[in-house]
Amino acid sequence: MDFTQKAGIRIEHWLTHNENHLKEYEAFAQELETAGKKKSASSIREMAALTAQSSECLRRALKDLKKEDGHV
């Protein structure tokens, strides 16, 4: 397995990991909101939004990696 293949696997792993955390953050923000902890819930939602942004960066990196390697 060459470096590009390993890099793709690593990025895919990070993307999956991020997406799993995103689901947890959203659920936890809802729990906080239900418990009346609105400011804390807001902060967790902000973190969830940033995680979604980082996931988009990972998607672009994976897409670009494939393009740079001649796979579209």
PDB file of N, CA and C in Angstrom:
ATOM      1  N   MET A   1       0.856  -1.177   0.000  1.00  0.00           N
ATOM      2  CA  MET A   1       0.000   0.000   0.000  1.00  0.00           C
ATOM      3  C   MET A   1       0.901   1.240   0.000  1.00  0.00           C
ATOM      4  N   ASP A   2       0.630   2.153  -0.915  1.00  0.00           N
ATOM      5  CA  ASP A   2       1.475   3.341  -1.003  1.00  0.00           C
ATOM      6  C   ASP A   2       0.972   4.447  -0.066  1.00  0.00           C
ATOM      7  N   PHE A   3       1.741   5.530  -0.020  1.00  0.00           N
ATOM      8  CA  PHE A   3       1.433   6.626   0.898  1.00  0.00           C
ATOM      9  C   PHE A   3       0.049   7.216   0.644  1.00  0.00           C
ATOM     10  N   THR A   4      -0.300   7.424  -0.617  1.00  0.00           N
ATOM     11  CA  THR A   4      -1.590   8.035  -0.954  1.00  0.00           C
ATOM     12  C   THR A   4      -2.746   7.172  -0.471  1.00  0.00           C
ATOM     13  N   GLN A   5      -2.643   5.872  -0.633  1.00  0.00           N
ATOM     14  CA  GLN A   5      -3.697   4.975  -0.143  1.00  0.00           C
ATOM     15  C   GLN A   5      -3.814   5.059   1.380  1.00  0.00           C
ATOM     16  N   LYS A   6      -2.665   5.071   2.058  1.00  0.00           N
ATOM     17  CA  LYS A   6      -2.670   5.183   3.520  1.00  0.00           C
ATOM     18  C   LYS A   6      -3.259   6.526   3.958  1.00  0.00           C
ATOM     19  N   ALA A   7      -2.911   7.583   3.231  1.00  0.00           N
ATOM     20  CA  ALA A   7      -3.436   8.910   3.562  1.00  0.00           C
ATOM     21  C   ALA A   7      -4.955   8.933   3.408  1.00  0.00           C
ATOM     22  N   GLY A   8      -5.460   8.319   2.340  1.00  0.00           N
ATOM     23  CA  GLY A   8      -6.905   8.255   2.130  1.00  0.00           C
ATOM     24  C   GLY A   8      -7.606   7.511   3.251  1.00  0.00           C
ATOM     25  N   ILE A   9      -7.027   6.420   3.675  1.00  0.00           N
ATOM     26  CA  ILE A   9      -7.603   5.646   4.781  1.00  0.00           C
ATOM     27  C   ILE A   9      -7.619   6.474   6.061  1.00  0.00           C
ATOM     28  N   ARG A  10      -6.539   7.188   6.311  1.00  0.00           N
ATOM     29  CA  ARG A  10      -6.458   8.022   7.515  1.00  0.00           C
ATOM     30  C   ARG A  10      -7.513   9.120   7.482  1.00  0.00           C
ATOM     31  N   ILE A  11      -7.648   9.798   6.338  1.00  0.00           N
ATOM     32  CA  ILE A  11      -8.636  10.870   6.223  1.00  0.00           C
ATOM     33  C   ILE A  11     -10.048  10.313   6.376  1.00  0.00           C
ATOM     34  N   GLU A  12     -10.327   9.169   5.753  1.00  0.00           N
ATOM     35  CA  GLU A  12     -11.656   8.550   5.892  1.00  0.00           C
ATOM     36  C   GLU A  12     -11.940   8.201   7.353  1.00  0.00           C
ATOM     37  N   HIS A  13     -10.933   7.704   8.064  1.00  0.00           N
ATOM     38  CA  HIS A  13     -11.091   7.375   9.490  1.00  0.00           C
ATOM     39  C   HIS A  13     -11.418   8.635  10.286  1.00  0.00           C
ATOM     40  N   TRP A  14     -10.679   9.702  10.036  1.00  0.00           N
ATOM     41  CA  TRP A  14     -10.929  10.951  10.751  1.00  0.00           C
ATOM     42  C   TRP A  14     -12.319  11.491  10.447  1.00  0.00           C
ATOM     43  N   LEU A  15     -12.745  11.361   9.199  1.00  0.00           N
ATOM     44  CA  LEU A  15     -14.067  11.826   8.810  1.00  0.00           C
ATOM     45  C   LEU A  15     -15.154  11.046   9.549  1.00  0.00           C
ATOM     46  N   THR A  16     -15.038   9.743   9.581  1.00  0.00           N
ATOM     47  CA  THR A  16     -15.996   8.908  10.311  1.00  0.00           C
ATOM     48  C   THR A  16     -16.000   9.272  11.795  1.00  0.00           C
ATOM     49  N   HIS A  17     -14.814   9.438  12.352  1.00  0.00           N
ATOM     50  CA  HIS A  17     -14.669   9.796  13.767  1.00  0.00           C
ATOM     51  C   HIS A  17     -15.363  11.139  14.042  1.00  0.00           C
ATOM     52  N   ASN A  18     -15.113  12.114  13.167  1.00  0.00           N
ATOM     53  CA  ASN A  18     -15.747  13.427  13.311  1.00  0.00           C
ATOM     54  C   ASN A  18     -17.265  13.325  13.263  1.00  0.00           C
ATOM     55  N   GLU A  19     -17.769  12.569  12.296  1.00  0.00           N
ATOM     56  CA  GLU A  19     -19.217  12.441  12.132  1.00  0.00           C
ATOM     57  C   GLU A  19     -19.857  11.784  13.360  1.00  0.00           C
ATOM     58  N   ASN A  20     -19.181  10.797  13.927  1.00  0.00           N
ATOM     59  CA  ASN A  20     -19.699  10.168  15.146  1.00  0.00           C
ATOM     60  C   ASN A  20     -19.746  11.166  16.298  1.00  0.00           C
ATOM     61  N   HIS A  21     -18.694  11.953  16.437  1.00  0.00           N
ATOM     62  CA  HIS A  21     -18.683  12.972  17.489  1.00  0.00           C
ATOM     63  C   HIS A  21     -19.765  14.014  17.248  1.00  0.00           C
ATOM     64  N   LEU A  22     -19.962  14.403  16.014  1.00  0.00           N
ATOM     65  CA  LEU A  22     -20.981  15.399  15.690  1.00  0.00           C
ATOM     66  C   LEU A  22     -22.355  14.945  16.178  1.00  0.00           C
ATOM     67  N   LYS A  23     -22.692  13.689  15.929  1.00  0.00           N
ATOM     68  CA  LYS A  23     -23.975  13.151  16.401  1.00  0.00           C
ATOM     69  C   LYS A  23     -24.061  13.213  17.921  1.00  0.00           C
ATOM     70  N   GLU A  24     -22.960  12.871  18.592  1.00  0.00           N
ATOM     71  CA  GLU A  24     -22.939  12.913  20.058  1.00  0.00           C
ATOM     72  C   GLU A  24     -23.109  14.339  20.565  1.00  0.00           C
ATOM     73  N   TYR A  25     -22.421  15.288  19.926  1.00  0.00           N
ATOM     74  CA  TYR A  25     -22.527  16.690  20.352  1.00  0.00           C
ATOM     75  C   TYR A  25     -23.949  17.197  20.213  1.00  0.00           C
ATOM     76  N   GLU A  26     -24.585  16.881  19.096  1.00  0.00           N
ATOM     77  CA  GLU A  26     -25.953  17.349  18.873  1.00  0.00           C
ATOM     78  C   GLU A  26     -26.913  16.753  19.901  1.00  0.00           C
ATOM     79  N   ALA A  27     -26.752  15.472  20.182  1.00  0.00           N
ATOM     80  CA  ALA A  27     -27.612  14.830  21.178  1.00  0.00           C
ATOM     81  C   ALA A  27     -27.376  15.420  22.567  1.00  0.00           C
ATOM     82  N   PHE A  28     -26.120  15.652  22.905  1.00  0.00           N
ATOM     83  CA  PHE A  28     -25.805  16.197  24.213  1.00  0.00           C
ATOM     84  C   PHE A  28     -26.309  17.625  24.350  1.00  0.00           C
ATOM     85  N   ALA A  29     -26.207  18.409  23.284  1.00  0.00           N
ATOM     86  CA  ALA A  29     -26.732  19.780  23.317  1.00  0.00           C
ATOM     87  C   ALA A  29     -28.233  19.758  23.602  1.00  0.00           C
ATOM     88  N   GLN A  30     -28.920  18.802  23.013  1.00  0.00           N
ATOM     89  CA  GLN A  30     -30.359  18.677  23.273  1.00  0.00           C
ATOM     90  C   GLN A  30     -30.624  18.315  24.732  1.00  0.00           C
ATOM     91  N   GLU A  31     -29.813  17.417  25.273  1.00  0.00           N
ATOM     92  CA  GLU A  31     -29.960  17.048  26.688  1.00  0.00           C
ATOM     93  C   GLU A  31     -29.730  18.260  27.588  1.00  0.00           C
ATOM     94  N   LEU A  32     -28.698  19.034  27.277  1.00  0.00           N
ATOM     95  CA  LEU A  32     -28.427  20.239  28.063  1.00  0.00           C
ATOM     96  C   LEU A  32     -29.592  21.218  27.977  1.00  0.00           C
ATOM     97  N   GLU A  33     -30.105  21.399  26.770  1.00  0.00           N
ATOM     98  CA  GLU A  33     -31.242  22.305  26.572  1.00  0.00           C
ATOM     99  C   GLU A  33     -32.440  21.844  27.403  1.00  0.00           C
ATOM    100  N   THR A  34     -32.726  20.559  27.358  1.00  0.00           N
ATOM    101  CA  THR A  34     -33.845  19.991  28.118  1.00  0.00           C
ATOM    102  C   THR A  34     -33.657  20.208  29.618  1.00  0.00           C
ATOM    103  N   ALA A  35     -32.401  20.182  30.054  1.00  0.00           N
ATOM    104  CA  ALA A  35     -32.087  20.381  31.470  1.00  0.00           C
ATOM    105  C   ALA A  35     -32.042  21.862  31.843  1.00  0.00           C
ATOM    106  N   GLY A  36     -32.341  22.741  30.881  1.00  0.00           N
ATOM    107  CA  GLY A  36     -32.357  24.164  31.166  1.00  0.00           C
ATOM    108  C   GLY A  36     -31.000  24.835  31.097  1.00  0.00           C
ATOM    109  N   LYS A  37     -30.015  24.142  30.573  1.00  0.00           N
ATOM    110  CA  LYS A  37     -28.647  24.670  30.478  1.00  0.00           C
ATOM    111  C   LYS A  37     -28.429  25.254  29.078  1.00  0.00           C
ATOM    112  N   LYS A  38     -29.139  26.338  28.802  1.00  0.00           N
ATOM    113  CA  LYS A  38     -29.178  26.905  27.451  1.00  0.00           C
ATOM    114  C   LYS A  38     -27.830  27.437  26.974  1.00  0.00           C
ATOM    115  N   LYS A  39     -27.069  28.102  27.851  1.00  0.00           N
ATOM    116  CA  LYS A  39     -25.773  28.630  27.438  1.00  0.00           C
ATOM    117  C   LYS A  39     -24.803  27.487  27.126  1.00  0.00           C
ATOM    118  N   SER A  40     -24.800  26.475  27.965  1.00  0.00           N
ATOM    119  CA  SER A  40     -23.936  25.316  27.711  1.00  0.00           C
ATOM    120  C   SER A  40     -24.345  24.622  26.418  1.00  0.00           C
ATOM    121  N   ALA A  41     -25.640  24.485  26.210  1.00  0.00           N
ATOM    122  CA  ALA A  41     -26.138  23.856  24.979  1.00  0.00           C
ATOM    123  C   ALA A  41     -25.696  24.648  23.762  1.00  0.00           C
ATOM    124  N   SER A  42     -25.750  25.966  23.870  1.00  0.00           N
ATOM    125  CA  SER A  42     -25.335  26.824  22.772  1.00  0.00           C
ATOM    126  C   SER A  42     -23.855  26.626  22.441  1.00  0.00           C
ATOM    127  N   SER A  43     -23.030  26.511  23.461  1.00  0.00           N
ATOM    128  CA  SER A  43     -21.597  26.298  23.244  1.00  0.00           C
ATOM    129  C   SER A  43     -21.329  24.951  22.573  1.00  0.00           C
ATOM    130  N   ILE A  44     -22.062  23.936  22.992  1.00  0.00           N
ATOM    131  CA  ILE A  44     -21.901  22.617  22.378  1.00  0.00           C
ATOM    132  C   ILE A  44     -22.383  22.650  20.932  1.00  0.00           C
ATOM    133  N   ARG A  45     -23.448  23.362  20.678  1.00  0.00           N
ATOM    134  CA  ARG A  45     -23.927  23.498  19.285  1.00  0.00           C
ATOM    135  C   ARG A  45     -22.904  24.241  18.424  1.00  0.00           C
ATOM    136  N   GLU A  46     -22.259  25.236  19.018  1.00  0.00           N
ATOM    137  CA  GLU A  46     -21.204  25.945  18.291  1.00  0.00           C
ATOM    138  C   GLU A  46     -20.063  24.976  17.961  1.00  0.00           C
ATOM    139  N   MET A  47     -19.695  24.146  18.922  1.00  0.00           N
ATOM    140  CA  MET A  47     -18.657  23.153  18.681  1.00  0.00           C
ATOM    141  C   MET A  47     -19.092  22.172  17.595  1.00  0.00           C
ATOM    142  N   ALA A  48     -20.361  21.796  17.598  1.00  0.00           N
ATOM    143  CA  ALA A  48     -20.883  20.893  16.571  1.00  0.00           C
ATOM    144  C   ALA A  48     -20.762  21.533  15.190  1.00  0.00           C
ATOM    145  N   ALA A  49     -21.049  22.815  15.104  1.00  0.00           N
ATOM    146  CA  ALA A  49     -20.940  23.517  13.822  1.00  0.00           C
ATOM    147  C   ALA A  49     -19.488  23.548  13.351  1.00  0.00           C
ATOM    148  N   LEU A  50     -18.575  23.762  14.264  1.00  0.00           N
ATOM    149  CA  LEU A  50     -17.153  23.753  13.909  1.00  0.00           C
ATOM    150  C   LEU A  50     -16.701  22.358  13.488  1.00  0.00           C
ATOM    151  N   THR A  51     -17.238  21.352  14.140  1.00  0.00           N
ATOM    152  CA  THR A  51     -16.919  19.975  13.761  1.00  0.00           C
ATOM    153  C   THR A  51     -17.436  19.682  12.359  1.00  0.00           C
ATOM    154  N   ALA A  52     -18.626  20.177  12.052  1.00  0.00           N
ATOM    155  CA  ALA A  52     -19.175  20.004  10.704  1.00  0.00           C
ATOM    156  C   ALA A  52     -18.280  20.684   9.678  1.00  0.00           C
ATOM    157  N   GLN A  53     -17.750  21.858  10.024  1.00  0.00           N
ATOM    158  CA  GLN A  53     -16.823  22.552   9.127  1.00  0.00           C
ATOM    159  C   GLN A  53     -15.552  21.735   8.937  1.00  0.00           C
ATOM    160  N   SER A  54     -15.029  21.176  10.011  1.00  0.00           N
ATOM    161  CA  SER A  54     -13.802  20.387   9.884  1.00  0.00           C
ATOM    162  C   SER A  54     -14.057  19.128   9.061  1.00  0.00           C
ATOM    163  N   SER A  55     -15.254  18.570   9.162  1.00  0.00           N
ATOM    164  CA  SER A  55     -15.599  17.415   8.333  1.00  0.00           C
ATOM    165  C   SER A  55     -15.602  17.801   6.859  1.00  0.00           C
ATOM    166  N   GLU A  56     -16.088  18.987   6.566  1.00  0.00           N
ATOM    167  CA  GLU A  56     -16.083  19.449   5.176  1.00  0.00           C
ATOM    168  C   GLU A  56     -14.647  19.602   4.674  1.00  0.00           C
ATOM    169  N   CYS A  57     -13.770  20.100   5.512  1.00  0.00           N
ATOM    170  CA  CYS A  57     -12.353  20.201   5.139  1.00  0.00           C
ATOM    171  C   CYS A  57     -11.775  18.819   4.843  1.00  0.00           C
ATOM    172  N   LEU A  58     -12.127  17.836   5.652  1.00  0.00           N
ATOM    173  CA  LEU A  58     -11.652  16.476   5.419  1.00  0.00           C
ATOM    174  C   LEU A  58     -12.208  15.917   4.113  1.00  0.00           C
ATOM    175  N   ARG A  59     -13.476  16.187   3.829  1.00  0.00           N
ATOM    176  CA  ARG A  59     -14.061  15.732   2.553  1.00  0.00           C
ATOM    177  C   ARG A  59     -13.321  16.325   1.360  1.00  0.00           C
ATOM    178  N   ARG A  60     -13.029  17.622   1.447  1.00  0.00           N
ATOM    179  CA  ARG A  60     -12.287  18.274   0.366  1.00  0.00           C
ATOM    180  C   ARG A  60     -10.881  17.686   0.238  1.00  0.00           C
ATOM    181  N   ALA A  61     -10.241  17.456   1.369  1.00  0.00           N
ATOM    182  CA  ALA A  61      -8.895  16.878   1.339  1.00  0.00           C
ATOM    183  C   ALA A  61      -8.913  15.509   0.669  1.00  0.00           C
ATOM    184  N   LEU A  62      -9.909  14.702   0.978  1.00  0.00           N
ATOM    185  CA  LEU A  62     -10.011  13.371   0.388  1.00  0.00           C
ATOM    186  C   LEU A  62     -10.272  13.473  -1.115  1.00  0.00           C
ATOM    187  N   LYS A  63     -11.173  14.367  -1.487  1.00  0.00           N
ATOM    188  CA  LYS A  63     -11.477  14.570  -2.904  1.00  0.00           C
ATOM    189  C   LYS A  63     -10.222  15.041  -3.652  1.00  0.00           C
ATOM    190  N   ASP A  64      -9.517  16.004  -3.080  1.00  0.00           N
ATOM    191  CA  ASP A  64      -8.307  16.517  -3.712  1.00  0.00           C
ATOM    192  C   ASP A  64      -7.209  15.464  -3.782  1.00  0.00           C
ATOM    193  N   LEU A  65      -7.099  14.656  -2.753  1.00  0.00           N
ATOM    194  CA  LEU A  65      -6.107  13.579  -2.750  1.00  0.00           C
ATOM    195  C   LEU A  65      -6.346  12.637  -3.903  1.00  0.00           C
ATOM    196  N   LYS A  66      -7.600  12.294  -4.122  1.00  0.00           N
ATOM    197  CA  LYS A  66      -7.951  11.384  -5.216  1.00  0.00           C
ATOM    198  C   LYS A  66      -7.672  12.034  -6.574  1.00  0.00           C
ATOM    199  N   LYS A  67      -8.004  13.340  -6.695  1.00  0.00           N
ATOM    200  CA  LYS A  67      -7.716  14.056  -7.944  1.00  0.00           C
ATOM    201  C   LYS A  67      -6.214  14.108  -8.211  1.00  0.00           C
ATOM    202  N   GLU A  68      -5.462  14.427  -7.170  1.00  0.00           N
ATOM    203  CA  GLU A  68      -4.017  14.569  -7.313  1.00  0.00           C
ATOM    204  C   GLU A  68      -3.365  13.231  -7.669  1.00  0.00           C
ATOM    205  N   ASP A  69      -4.030  12.144  -7.323  1.00  0.00           N
ATOM    206  CA  ASP A  69      -3.500  10.813  -7.614  1.00  0.00           C
ATOM    207  C   ASP A  69      -4.047  10.268  -8.927  1.00  0.00           C
ATOM    208  N   GLY A  70      -4.871  11.083  -9.612  1.00  0.00           N
ATOM    209  CA  GLY A  70      -5.400  10.658 -10.904  1.00  0.00           C
ATOM    210  C   GLY A  70      -6.680   9.855 -10.838  1.00  0.00           C
ATOM    211  N   HIS A  71      -7.325   9.798  -9.666  1.00  0.00           N
ATOM    212  CA  HIS A  71      -8.611   9.106  -9.502  1.00  0.00           C
ATOM    213  C   HIS A  71      -9.685  10.146  -9.248  1.00  0.00           C
ATOM    214  N   VAL A  72     -10.691  10.147 -10.075  1.00  0.00           N
ATOM    215  CA  VAL A  72     -11.759  11.147  -9.873  1.00  0.00           C
ATOM    216  C   VAL A  72     -13.041  10.485  -9.430  1.00  0.00           C
TER     217      VAL A  72
END
